[in-house]
Amino acid sequence: MSSLSKGLRKVQVTLKWDPSPIGAAPHDLDIVAATYTADAPHGTPAYLVHFDSRSPDGTITLDRDSRTGQGFGADEVMTLELQRLAPSYARVVVGVVIQQRTAEKTFSDIPNTGVQILDGPQELASDDLSGVPDASAATIAEFTRDDSGAWRLRPVLRGFTAAPAEFAGLMGTAPA
């Protein structure tokens, strides 16, 4: 945490994975963030941030987007400037989804996946998605604003078998 009294202010979510074997269709994973207002904290998000998009106010940005998993370090990086979000926003859910181009893939089909949530250099949470091997999408974190206005993180690994468009509508639903 940046400060005990102020909560989280600016965090990064990183995602990495190994590329597919030569000649195979590329593995393409995406970080997705969904924002929710205080009066509608579940269900349909107020807006989504994913590849080729950013938040309307510039508070959530996808800084790196990979379609293959090739390269060093993180393949995708999303920055969330929580302290700049308007007071009407009370919840942000972050997830990972597999782009399905040729064959249905699940997280068990993609080697060495890894997600980290960082506050500057400090790691707040990490996961390898092995807890949802049969899923094609998963929520990984929930950021909520408390009564004092401070943002808190709750790591939450919840798998879905859903296409990217469908996942966007499911990721903020309350667990059954």
N, C-alpha and C. Protein backbone atom coordinates (compact mmCIF):
# COMPACT_ATOMS: atom_id res chain seq x y z
N MET A 1 0.82 -1.17 0.00
CA MET A 1 0.00 0.00 0.00
C MET A 1 0.87 1.24 0.00
N SER A 2 0.39 2.27 -0.67
CA SER A 2 1.13 3.52 -0.69
C SER A 2 1.16 4.16 0.69
N SER A 3 0.05 4.12 1.36
CA SER A 3 -0.05 4.70 2.69
C SER A 3 -1.22 4.03 3.40
N LEU A 4 -1.09 3.80 4.69
CA LEU A 4 -2.17 3.16 5.42
C LEU A 4 -3.43 4.00 5.42
N SER A 5 -3.29 5.31 5.42
CA SER A 5 -4.46 6.16 5.48
C SER A 5 -5.03 6.49 4.11
N LYS A 6 -4.23 6.39 3.07
CA LYS A 6 -4.69 6.79 1.74
C LYS A 6 -5.07 5.62 0.85
N GLY A 7 -4.70 4.43 1.21
CA GLY A 7 -5.00 3.28 0.37
C GLY A 7 -4.15 3.29 -0.89
N LEU A 8 -4.56 2.49 -1.84
CA LEU A 8 -3.83 2.40 -3.11
C LEU A 8 -4.12 3.61 -3.96
N ARG A 9 -3.08 4.08 -4.64
CA ARG A 9 -3.25 5.26 -5.47
C ARG A 9 -3.03 4.95 -6.95
N LYS A 10 -1.91 4.32 -7.25
CA LYS A 10 -1.59 3.98 -8.64
C LYS A 10 -0.96 2.59 -8.63
N VAL A 11 -1.57 1.67 -9.36
CA VAL A 11 -1.07 0.29 -9.41
C VAL A 11 -0.87 -0.13 -10.86
N GLN A 12 -0.04 -1.15 -11.02
CA GLN A 12 0.14 -1.76 -12.33
C GLN A 12 -0.23 -3.23 -12.24
N VAL A 13 -0.87 -3.71 -13.29
CA VAL A 13 -1.16 -5.14 -13.44
C VAL A 13 -0.33 -5.59 -14.63
N THR A 14 0.48 -6.63 -14.41
CA THR A 14 1.30 -7.16 -15.50
C THR A 14 0.87 -8.60 -15.80
N LEU A 15 1.03 -8.98 -17.04
CA LEU A 15 0.66 -10.32 -17.50
C LEU A 15 1.76 -10.83 -18.41
N LYS A 16 2.14 -12.09 -18.20
CA LYS A 16 3.14 -12.70 -19.08
C LYS A 16 2.71 -14.13 -19.40
N TRP A 17 3.22 -14.65 -20.50
CA TRP A 17 2.99 -16.03 -20.89
C TRP A 17 4.03 -16.40 -21.94
N ASP A 18 4.21 -17.69 -22.16
CA ASP A 18 5.13 -18.15 -23.19
C ASP A 18 4.43 -18.18 -24.54
N PRO A 19 5.18 -17.89 -25.60
CA PRO A 19 4.58 -17.95 -26.94
C PRO A 19 4.24 -19.39 -27.32
N SER A 20 3.39 -19.51 -28.32
CA SER A 20 3.03 -20.84 -28.82
C SER A 20 4.20 -21.42 -29.60
N PRO A 21 4.20 -22.74 -29.79
CA PRO A 21 5.27 -23.37 -30.57
C PRO A 21 5.28 -22.85 -32.01
N ILE A 22 6.43 -22.93 -32.65
CA ILE A 22 6.57 -22.48 -34.04
C ILE A 22 5.57 -23.24 -34.91
N GLY A 23 4.86 -22.51 -35.73
CA GLY A 23 3.88 -23.09 -36.63
C GLY A 23 2.48 -23.18 -36.05
N ALA A 24 2.34 -23.00 -34.75
CA ALA A 24 1.02 -23.04 -34.10
C ALA A 24 0.44 -21.63 -34.03
N ALA A 25 -0.86 -21.56 -33.92
CA ALA A 25 -1.52 -20.25 -33.77
C ALA A 25 -1.00 -19.56 -32.51
N PRO A 26 -0.81 -18.24 -32.58
CA PRO A 26 -0.26 -17.53 -31.41
C PRO A 26 -1.20 -17.57 -30.21
N HIS A 27 -0.59 -17.58 -29.03
CA HIS A 27 -1.34 -17.40 -27.79
C HIS A 27 -1.51 -15.90 -27.60
N ASP A 28 -2.73 -15.45 -27.47
CA ASP A 28 -3.01 -14.02 -27.30
C ASP A 28 -3.89 -13.84 -26.08
N LEU A 29 -3.32 -13.33 -25.01
CA LEU A 29 -4.06 -13.06 -23.78
C LEU A 29 -4.19 -11.54 -23.63
N ASP A 30 -5.26 -11.11 -23.00
CA ASP A 30 -5.50 -9.69 -22.80
C ASP A 30 -5.89 -9.39 -21.37
N ILE A 31 -5.40 -8.27 -20.85
CA ILE A 31 -5.86 -7.74 -19.57
C ILE A 31 -7.08 -6.88 -19.87
N VAL A 32 -8.11 -7.01 -19.05
CA VAL A 32 -9.34 -6.24 -19.19
C VAL A 32 -9.69 -5.66 -17.82
N ALA A 33 -10.09 -4.39 -17.80
CA ALA A 33 -10.56 -3.77 -16.56
C ALA A 33 -11.98 -3.26 -16.78
N ALA A 34 -12.83 -3.49 -15.80
CA ALA A 34 -14.21 -3.03 -15.84
C ALA A 34 -14.47 -2.15 -14.63
N THR A 35 -15.06 -0.99 -14.87
CA THR A 35 -15.36 -0.07 -13.77
C THR A 35 -16.85 -0.08 -13.46
N TYR A 36 -17.14 0.12 -12.18
CA TYR A 36 -18.53 0.08 -11.70
C TYR A 36 -18.77 1.27 -10.78
N THR A 37 -19.95 1.82 -10.88
CA THR A 37 -20.30 2.96 -10.04
C THR A 37 -20.83 2.48 -8.69
N ALA A 38 -20.87 3.38 -7.74
CA ALA A 38 -21.35 3.05 -6.39
C ALA A 38 -22.80 2.60 -6.42
N ASP A 39 -23.61 3.16 -7.31
CA ASP A 39 -25.02 2.77 -7.37
C ASP A 39 -25.28 1.53 -8.22
N ALA A 40 -24.27 1.03 -8.93
CA ALA A 40 -24.40 -0.21 -9.72
C ALA A 40 -23.06 -0.96 -9.67
N PRO A 41 -22.72 -1.53 -8.49
CA PRO A 41 -21.40 -2.14 -8.32
C PRO A 41 -21.22 -3.52 -8.96
N HIS A 42 -22.27 -4.11 -9.52
CA HIS A 42 -22.19 -5.42 -10.16
C HIS A 42 -22.94 -5.38 -11.49
N GLY A 43 -22.70 -6.40 -12.31
CA GLY A 43 -23.43 -6.49 -13.58
C GLY A 43 -22.69 -5.81 -14.70
N THR A 44 -23.39 -4.98 -15.44
CA THR A 44 -22.83 -4.30 -16.60
C THR A 44 -21.91 -3.16 -16.13
N PRO A 45 -20.67 -3.15 -16.63
CA PRO A 45 -19.75 -2.10 -16.20
C PRO A 45 -20.10 -0.73 -16.79
N ALA A 46 -19.67 0.32 -16.11
CA ALA A 46 -19.84 1.68 -16.63
C ALA A 46 -19.00 1.83 -17.90
N TYR A 47 -17.79 1.27 -17.88
CA TYR A 47 -16.97 1.20 -19.08
C TYR A 47 -15.90 0.13 -18.90
N LEU A 48 -15.34 -0.30 -20.04
CA LEU A 48 -14.28 -1.31 -20.08
C LEU A 48 -13.01 -0.70 -20.64
N VAL A 49 -11.87 -1.23 -20.18
CA VAL A 49 -10.59 -0.88 -20.77
C VAL A 49 -9.93 -2.18 -21.18
N HIS A 50 -9.51 -2.25 -22.44
CA HIS A 50 -8.89 -3.45 -23.00
C HIS A 50 -8.04 -3.01 -24.18
N PHE A 51 -7.52 -3.98 -24.95
CA PHE A 51 -6.70 -3.62 -26.11
C PHE A 51 -7.46 -2.62 -26.97
N ASP A 52 -6.74 -1.70 -27.54
CA ASP A 52 -7.31 -0.66 -28.41
C ASP A 52 -8.28 0.28 -27.69
N SER A 53 -8.18 0.39 -26.37
CA SER A 53 -9.05 1.34 -25.67
C SER A 53 -8.35 1.86 -24.42
N ARG A 54 -8.95 2.86 -23.81
CA ARG A 54 -8.50 3.39 -22.54
C ARG A 54 -9.72 3.98 -21.86
N SER A 55 -9.59 4.33 -20.60
CA SER A 55 -10.73 4.90 -19.90
C SER A 55 -10.99 6.30 -20.46
N PRO A 56 -12.24 6.75 -20.41
CA PRO A 56 -12.57 8.07 -20.96
C PRO A 56 -11.77 9.20 -20.32
N ASP A 57 -11.43 9.05 -19.04
CA ASP A 57 -10.71 10.10 -18.33
C ASP A 57 -9.20 9.86 -18.26
N GLY A 58 -8.71 8.79 -18.88
CA GLY A 58 -7.28 8.50 -18.92
C GLY A 58 -6.72 7.92 -17.63
N THR A 59 -7.58 7.47 -16.71
CA THR A 59 -7.09 6.94 -15.43
C THR A 59 -6.69 5.47 -15.51
N ILE A 60 -7.16 4.76 -16.52
CA ILE A 60 -6.80 3.35 -16.71
C ILE A 60 -6.31 3.20 -18.15
N THR A 61 -5.06 2.76 -18.28
CA THR A 61 -4.49 2.65 -19.62
C THR A 61 -3.78 1.31 -19.78
N LEU A 62 -3.84 0.78 -20.98
CA LEU A 62 -3.08 -0.41 -21.33
C LEU A 62 -1.79 0.09 -21.94
N ASP A 63 -0.69 -0.08 -21.20
CA ASP A 63 0.59 0.48 -21.62
C ASP A 63 1.37 -0.43 -22.56
N ARG A 64 1.07 -1.72 -22.51
CA ARG A 64 1.76 -2.68 -23.38
C ARG A 64 0.76 -3.76 -23.75
N ASP A 65 0.71 -4.10 -25.04
CA ASP A 65 -0.22 -5.10 -25.54
C ASP A 65 0.52 -6.05 -26.46
N SER A 66 0.54 -7.33 -26.12
CA SER A 66 1.20 -8.34 -26.94
C SER A 66 0.14 -9.26 -27.54
N ARG A 67 0.38 -9.69 -28.75
CA ARG A 67 -0.53 -10.65 -29.38
C ARG A 67 0.11 -12.03 -29.50
N THR A 68 1.34 -12.17 -28.97
CA THR A 68 2.05 -13.43 -29.14
C THR A 68 2.72 -13.95 -27.88
N GLY A 69 2.98 -13.10 -26.90
CA GLY A 69 3.72 -13.52 -25.72
C GLY A 69 5.21 -13.52 -25.93
N GLN A 70 5.67 -13.01 -27.07
CA GLN A 70 7.10 -12.97 -27.35
C GLN A 70 7.71 -11.72 -26.73
N GLY A 71 8.91 -11.86 -26.23
CA GLY A 71 9.60 -10.72 -25.64
C GLY A 71 10.06 -11.05 -24.24
N PHE A 72 10.67 -10.08 -23.62
CA PHE A 72 11.20 -10.25 -22.27
C PHE A 72 10.30 -9.53 -21.27
N GLY A 73 10.19 -10.08 -20.09
CA GLY A 73 9.40 -9.44 -19.03
C GLY A 73 7.92 -9.57 -19.29
N ALA A 74 7.19 -8.55 -18.86
CA ALA A 74 5.73 -8.57 -19.00
C ALA A 74 5.33 -8.39 -20.46
N ASP A 75 4.33 -9.15 -20.89
CA ASP A 75 3.82 -9.04 -22.25
C ASP A 75 2.72 -7.98 -22.33
N GLU A 76 1.99 -7.81 -21.25
CA GLU A 76 0.95 -6.78 -21.18
C GLU A 76 1.09 -6.07 -19.84
N VAL A 77 0.85 -4.76 -19.85
CA VAL A 77 0.91 -3.95 -18.63
C VAL A 77 -0.25 -2.97 -18.67
N MET A 78 -1.03 -2.94 -17.58
CA MET A 78 -2.12 -1.99 -17.43
C MET A 78 -1.86 -1.15 -16.18
N THR A 79 -2.01 0.15 -16.31
CA THR A 79 -1.85 1.06 -15.18
C THR A 79 -3.22 1.59 -14.77
N LEU A 80 -3.48 1.53 -13.47
CA LEU A 80 -4.74 2.03 -12.91
C LEU A 80 -4.41 3.15 -11.93
N GLU A 81 -4.78 4.37 -12.27
CA GLU A 81 -4.58 5.51 -11.38
C GLU A 81 -5.86 5.67 -10.57
N LEU A 82 -5.99 4.86 -9.55
CA LEU A 82 -7.21 4.79 -8.76
C LEU A 82 -7.53 6.11 -8.08
N GLN A 83 -6.52 6.83 -7.61
CA GLN A 83 -6.76 8.07 -6.89
C GLN A 83 -7.38 9.13 -7.78
N ARG A 84 -7.26 8.98 -9.10
CA ARG A 84 -7.82 9.95 -10.04
C ARG A 84 -9.22 9.60 -10.51
N LEU A 85 -9.69 8.39 -10.20
CA LEU A 85 -11.04 8.02 -10.62
C LEU A 85 -12.07 8.91 -9.94
N ALA A 86 -13.10 9.28 -10.66
CA ALA A 86 -14.16 10.13 -10.11
C ALA A 86 -14.79 9.45 -8.90
N PRO A 87 -15.26 10.22 -7.92
CA PRO A 87 -15.86 9.65 -6.71
C PRO A 87 -17.06 8.73 -6.98
N SER A 88 -17.68 8.86 -8.15
CA SER A 88 -18.83 8.00 -8.46
C SER A 88 -18.44 6.55 -8.70
N TYR A 89 -17.14 6.29 -8.98
CA TYR A 89 -16.68 4.92 -9.20
C TYR A 89 -16.25 4.31 -7.88
N ALA A 90 -16.78 3.11 -7.62
CA ALA A 90 -16.51 2.45 -6.34
C ALA A 90 -15.85 1.09 -6.49
N ARG A 91 -15.76 0.59 -7.72
CA ARG A 91 -15.24 -0.76 -7.91
C ARG A 91 -14.61 -0.89 -9.29
N VAL A 92 -13.45 -1.55 -9.33
CA VAL A 92 -12.79 -1.88 -10.60
C VAL A 92 -12.40 -3.35 -10.53
N VAL A 93 -12.84 -4.12 -11.50
CA VAL A 93 -12.51 -5.54 -11.58
C VAL A 93 -11.55 -5.72 -12.74
N VAL A 94 -10.47 -6.45 -12.49
CA VAL A 94 -9.47 -6.70 -13.53
C VAL A 94 -9.45 -8.20 -13.84
N GLY A 95 -9.38 -8.52 -15.11
CA GLY A 95 -9.36 -9.92 -15.53
C GLY A 95 -8.43 -10.16 -16.70
N VAL A 96 -8.32 -11.42 -17.05
CA VAL A 96 -7.51 -11.87 -18.18
C VAL A 96 -8.40 -12.73 -19.05
N VAL A 97 -8.31 -12.53 -20.36
CA VAL A 97 -9.11 -13.32 -21.30
C VAL A 97 -8.22 -13.80 -22.44
N ILE A 98 -8.48 -15.00 -22.93
CA ILE A 98 -7.76 -15.55 -24.07
C ILE A 98 -8.53 -15.20 -25.34
N GLN A 99 -7.84 -14.60 -26.30
CA GLN A 99 -8.45 -14.35 -27.60
C GLN A 99 -8.48 -15.68 -28.34
N GLN A 100 -9.64 -16.09 -28.79
CA GLN A 100 -9.81 -17.39 -29.47
C GLN A 100 -9.90 -17.15 -30.97
N ARG A 101 -8.81 -17.43 -31.68
CA ARG A 101 -8.82 -17.18 -33.12
C ARG A 101 -9.05 -18.45 -33.94
N THR A 102 -8.40 -19.54 -33.56
CA THR A 102 -8.50 -20.74 -34.39
C THR A 102 -9.05 -21.93 -33.62
N ALA A 103 -8.58 -22.17 -32.45
CA ALA A 103 -9.05 -23.31 -31.66
C ALA A 103 -9.32 -22.83 -30.23
N GLU A 104 -10.24 -23.50 -29.59
CA GLU A 104 -10.56 -23.15 -28.21
C GLU A 104 -9.38 -23.47 -27.31
N LYS A 105 -8.92 -22.51 -26.54
CA LYS A 105 -7.82 -22.70 -25.61
C LYS A 105 -8.28 -22.35 -24.20
N THR A 106 -7.64 -22.99 -23.24
CA THR A 106 -7.86 -22.66 -21.84
C THR A 106 -6.50 -22.31 -21.24
N PHE A 107 -6.51 -21.86 -19.99
CA PHE A 107 -5.25 -21.47 -19.37
C PHE A 107 -4.29 -22.64 -19.24
N SER A 108 -4.80 -23.87 -19.17
CA SER A 108 -3.90 -25.03 -19.10
C SER A 108 -3.15 -25.25 -20.42
N ASP A 109 -3.62 -24.67 -21.52
CA ASP A 109 -2.96 -24.80 -22.82
C ASP A 109 -1.83 -23.78 -23.02
N ILE A 110 -1.72 -22.82 -22.13
CA ILE A 110 -0.75 -21.73 -22.31
C ILE A 110 0.28 -21.80 -21.20
N PRO A 111 1.52 -22.12 -21.56
CA PRO A 111 2.55 -22.31 -20.52
C PRO A 111 3.04 -21.00 -19.89
N ASN A 112 3.40 -21.14 -18.63
CA ASN A 112 4.07 -20.07 -17.87
C ASN A 112 3.30 -18.76 -17.81
N THR A 113 2.01 -18.84 -17.58
CA THR A 113 1.25 -17.61 -17.38
C THR A 113 1.60 -17.04 -16.01
N GLY A 114 1.55 -15.74 -15.92
CA GLY A 114 1.82 -15.09 -14.65
C GLY A 114 1.22 -13.70 -14.62
N VAL A 115 0.58 -13.38 -13.50
CA VAL A 115 -0.02 -12.08 -13.30
C VAL A 115 0.58 -11.50 -12.03
N GLN A 116 0.93 -10.22 -12.07
CA GLN A 116 1.40 -9.52 -10.87
C GLN A 116 0.63 -8.22 -10.73
N ILE A 117 0.37 -7.84 -9.49
CA ILE A 117 -0.21 -6.54 -9.20
C ILE A 117 0.82 -5.81 -8.34
N LEU A 118 1.23 -4.64 -8.83
CA LEU A 118 2.32 -3.91 -8.20
C LEU A 118 1.88 -2.51 -7.78
N ASP A 119 2.38 -2.08 -6.64
CA ASP A 119 2.26 -0.70 -6.18
C ASP A 119 3.68 -0.17 -6.16
N GLY A 120 4.09 0.49 -7.26
CA GLY A 120 5.50 0.84 -7.43
C GLY A 120 6.30 -0.45 -7.52
N PRO A 121 7.37 -0.57 -6.74
CA PRO A 121 8.15 -1.81 -6.79
C PRO A 121 7.58 -2.92 -5.90
N GLN A 122 6.60 -2.59 -5.08
CA GLN A 122 6.06 -3.57 -4.13
C GLN A 122 5.01 -4.47 -4.78
N GLU A 123 5.21 -5.78 -4.69
CA GLU A 123 4.23 -6.73 -5.21
C GLU A 123 3.10 -6.87 -4.20
N LEU A 124 1.89 -6.62 -4.65
CA LEU A 124 0.70 -6.75 -3.81
C LEU A 124 0.08 -8.14 -3.94
N ALA A 125 0.16 -8.71 -5.13
CA ALA A 125 -0.42 -10.04 -5.37
C ALA A 125 0.18 -10.61 -6.65
N SER A 126 0.16 -11.94 -6.74
CA SER A 126 0.58 -12.60 -7.97
C SER A 126 -0.15 -13.93 -8.09
N ASP A 127 -0.25 -14.42 -9.31
CA ASP A 127 -0.93 -15.68 -9.57
C ASP A 127 -0.44 -16.23 -10.89
N ASP A 128 -0.52 -17.55 -11.06
CA ASP A 128 -0.11 -18.17 -12.32
C ASP A 128 -1.31 -18.74 -13.10
N LEU A 129 -2.51 -18.49 -12.64
CA LEU A 129 -3.76 -18.92 -13.28
C LEU A 129 -3.95 -20.43 -13.28
N SER A 130 -3.11 -21.15 -12.56
CA SER A 130 -3.25 -22.61 -12.49
C SER A 130 -4.49 -23.02 -11.69
N GLY A 131 -5.04 -22.12 -10.92
CA GLY A 131 -6.25 -22.42 -10.16
C GLY A 131 -7.51 -22.45 -11.01
N VAL A 132 -7.41 -22.01 -12.26
CA VAL A 132 -8.55 -22.04 -13.19
C VAL A 132 -8.10 -22.64 -14.53
N PRO A 133 -7.57 -23.88 -14.52
CA PRO A 133 -6.97 -24.45 -15.73
C PRO A 133 -7.93 -24.63 -16.89
N ASP A 134 -9.21 -24.86 -16.62
CA ASP A 134 -10.18 -25.12 -17.69
C ASP A 134 -10.91 -23.87 -18.15
N ALA A 135 -10.52 -22.72 -17.64
CA ALA A 135 -11.18 -21.46 -18.00
C ALA A 135 -10.48 -20.80 -19.18
N SER A 136 -11.23 -20.00 -19.91
CA SER A 136 -10.67 -19.21 -21.00
C SER A 136 -10.64 -17.73 -20.64
N ALA A 137 -11.16 -17.41 -19.46
CA ALA A 137 -11.15 -16.04 -18.94
C ALA A 137 -11.19 -16.13 -17.42
N ALA A 138 -10.65 -15.12 -16.75
CA ALA A 138 -10.66 -15.14 -15.28
C ALA A 138 -10.56 -13.74 -14.73
N THR A 139 -11.29 -13.49 -13.65
CA THR A 139 -11.04 -12.27 -12.90
C THR A 139 -9.83 -12.55 -12.01
N ILE A 140 -9.02 -11.54 -11.77
CA ILE A 140 -7.83 -11.72 -10.95
C ILE A 140 -7.79 -10.77 -9.76
N ALA A 141 -8.51 -9.65 -9.85
CA ALA A 141 -8.44 -8.66 -8.77
C ALA A 141 -9.69 -7.79 -8.76
N GLU A 142 -10.00 -7.35 -7.56
CA GLU A 142 -11.10 -6.41 -7.38
C GLU A 142 -10.56 -5.27 -6.52
N PHE A 143 -10.69 -4.07 -7.03
CA PHE A 143 -10.32 -2.88 -6.28
C PHE A 143 -11.62 -2.19 -5.86
N THR A 144 -11.74 -1.90 -4.58
CA THR A 144 -12.95 -1.24 -4.08
C THR A 144 -12.58 -0.01 -3.27
N ARG A 145 -13.46 0.98 -3.33
CA ARG A 145 -13.27 2.22 -2.58
C ARG A 145 -14.06 2.09 -1.29
N ASP A 146 -13.40 2.32 -0.15
CA ASP A 146 -14.10 2.21 1.13
C ASP A 146 -14.77 3.54 1.49
N ASP A 147 -15.40 3.59 2.64
CA ASP A 147 -16.15 4.78 3.06
C ASP A 147 -15.28 6.02 3.21
N SER A 148 -13.98 5.83 3.47
CA SER A 148 -13.08 6.98 3.60
C SER A 148 -12.58 7.47 2.24
N GLY A 149 -12.89 6.72 1.17
CA GLY A 149 -12.42 7.07 -0.16
C GLY A 149 -11.14 6.36 -0.56
N ALA A 150 -10.57 5.56 0.34
CA ALA A 150 -9.34 4.83 0.04
C ALA A 150 -9.64 3.58 -0.77
N TRP A 151 -8.74 3.27 -1.71
CA TRP A 151 -8.89 2.09 -2.54
C TRP A 151 -8.17 0.91 -1.91
N ARG A 152 -8.81 -0.26 -1.95
CA ARG A 152 -8.26 -1.49 -1.40
C ARG A 152 -8.28 -2.57 -2.48
N LEU A 153 -7.35 -3.50 -2.37
CA LEU A 153 -7.25 -4.63 -3.30
C LEU A 153 -7.74 -5.89 -2.64
N ARG A 154 -8.51 -6.66 -3.38
CA ARG A 154 -8.87 -8.01 -2.97
C ARG A 154 -8.54 -8.92 -4.15
N PRO A 155 -7.46 -9.72 -4.02
CA PRO A 155 -7.18 -10.68 -5.09
C PRO A 155 -8.34 -11.67 -5.18
N VAL A 156 -8.82 -11.91 -6.38
CA VAL A 156 -9.95 -12.81 -6.56
C VAL A 156 -9.77 -13.57 -7.87
N LEU A 157 -9.46 -14.84 -7.78
CA LEU A 157 -9.30 -15.67 -8.96
C LEU A 157 -10.60 -16.43 -9.19
N ARG A 158 -11.26 -16.10 -10.27
CA ARG A 158 -12.56 -16.70 -10.60
C ARG A 158 -12.59 -16.97 -12.10
N GLY A 159 -12.68 -18.25 -12.48
CA GLY A 159 -12.60 -18.64 -13.88
C GLY A 159 -13.95 -18.65 -14.58
N PHE A 160 -13.91 -18.41 -15.88
CA PHE A 160 -15.10 -18.42 -16.74
C PHE A 160 -14.75 -19.12 -18.04
N THR A 161 -15.73 -19.77 -18.65
CA THR A 161 -15.59 -20.27 -20.00
C THR A 161 -16.44 -19.35 -20.85
N ALA A 162 -15.78 -18.33 -21.40
CA ALA A 162 -16.51 -17.29 -22.10
C ALA A 162 -15.63 -16.63 -23.14
N ALA A 163 -16.24 -16.21 -24.22
CA ALA A 163 -15.55 -15.42 -25.24
C ALA A 163 -15.30 -14.02 -24.66
N PRO A 164 -14.37 -13.27 -25.24
CA PRO A 164 -14.06 -11.95 -24.69
C PRO A 164 -15.28 -11.04 -24.50
N ALA A 165 -16.16 -10.95 -25.49
CA ALA A 165 -17.33 -10.08 -25.36
C ALA A 165 -18.26 -10.55 -24.24
N GLU A 166 -18.44 -11.84 -24.12
CA GLU A 166 -19.28 -12.39 -23.06
C GLU A 166 -18.64 -12.18 -21.69
N PHE A 167 -17.33 -12.36 -21.60
CA PHE A 167 -16.61 -12.18 -20.34
C PHE A 167 -16.79 -10.76 -19.81
N ALA A 168 -16.77 -9.78 -20.69
CA ALA A 168 -16.93 -8.39 -20.27
C ALA A 168 -18.22 -8.18 -19.48
N GLY A 169 -19.28 -8.89 -19.84
CA GLY A 169 -20.53 -8.77 -19.10
C GLY A 169 -20.60 -9.62 -17.85
N LEU A 170 -19.74 -10.64 -17.76
CA LEU A 170 -19.76 -11.56 -16.61
C LEU A 170 -18.79 -11.19 -15.50
N MET A 171 -17.72 -10.52 -15.85
CA MET A 171 -16.62 -10.37 -14.88
C MET A 171 -17.01 -9.59 -13.63
N GLY A 172 -17.99 -8.75 -13.69
CA GLY A 172 -18.38 -7.98 -12.52
C GLY A 172 -19.57 -8.53 -11.76
N THR A 173 -20.07 -9.68 -12.19
CA THR A 173 -21.22 -10.25 -11.51
C THR A 173 -20.82 -10.74 -10.12
N ALA A 174 -21.76 -10.70 -9.22
CA ALA A 174 -21.51 -11.19 -7.87
C ALA A 174 -21.38 -12.70 -7.91
N PRO A 175 -20.43 -13.29 -7.17
CA PRO A 175 -20.30 -14.75 -7.16
C PRO A 175 -21.58 -15.41 -6.66
N ALA A 176 -21.89 -16.57 -7.23
CA ALA A 176 -23.12 -17.28 -6.85
C ALA A 176 -22.99 -17.88 -5.46
